[in-house]
Amino acid sequence: MCSLAESEKRLLVGIARRSVIAAVEGHPPLESLPESEGLRRTAGAFVTLHVGSRLRGCIGQLPGQDALVEVVAHCARLAALEDPRFHPVKKEDLAGIEIEISVLSELEDIAPESIVSGKHGLLVSRDGQRGVLLPQVATQTGWSALRFLEETCVKAGLDPQAWKDPETRIQAFTAEVFSEQGPGTPESGRESYSIST
């Protein structure tokens, strides 16, 4: 995964912020997005909203055909309005919202023994069910690689031992994480991340 320049990270955070504000104020999705090559490459991303150390919304999209800048704008809007675990963000909430972005590498199949806690995020899927956890979740919770794998199975609605089933697919990715607050991320738990469909 090619690292983003600091200027590109600032642009993405700014776009996420503008997208959240537009969504909350009832405006249509952003249309004028940067054309820089780094932001136009295809990539997946998660946009996480925090109020202090508390999760306020998180929606992500796995790598596909969409440009990174479009994914960030789209997921920021959904995180503000459509994360089913929270009421939509209101205008009076905007000042306290902090935005974190995780840009994902491509997904690759991985053997359970090759998973590195804190380095790899995981996608576990079987029979149409899937669950994803970002790498920082393992760091924040102190989970071992095995525990992280089990919790990703649970996130998918599967038994914790489902990873042993040959029909279960395990894929890994890494993430470049940055926020308005700079390095470091607020604490959050296993229920922090949703996939946009």
Foldseek 3Di string as FASTA:
>chain_A
DDDDDPVVVVLLQVLLLVLLVCLQVVHDQDDDHDPDPQQQDFWKKKKWKDQVLHTQFIEIAGTDHGGNSVRSSVRSSCRQPPRVVHHHHHPVCSVRIWMKMKIKDHKDFDDLVPDAQLFKWKWKDAPHFIFTDASVQCVLVVDGSLVNQLLRCVRSVHHSPCVVDPRMTMIIIGIDMAIPVGDDHRHDHSPRYDYDD
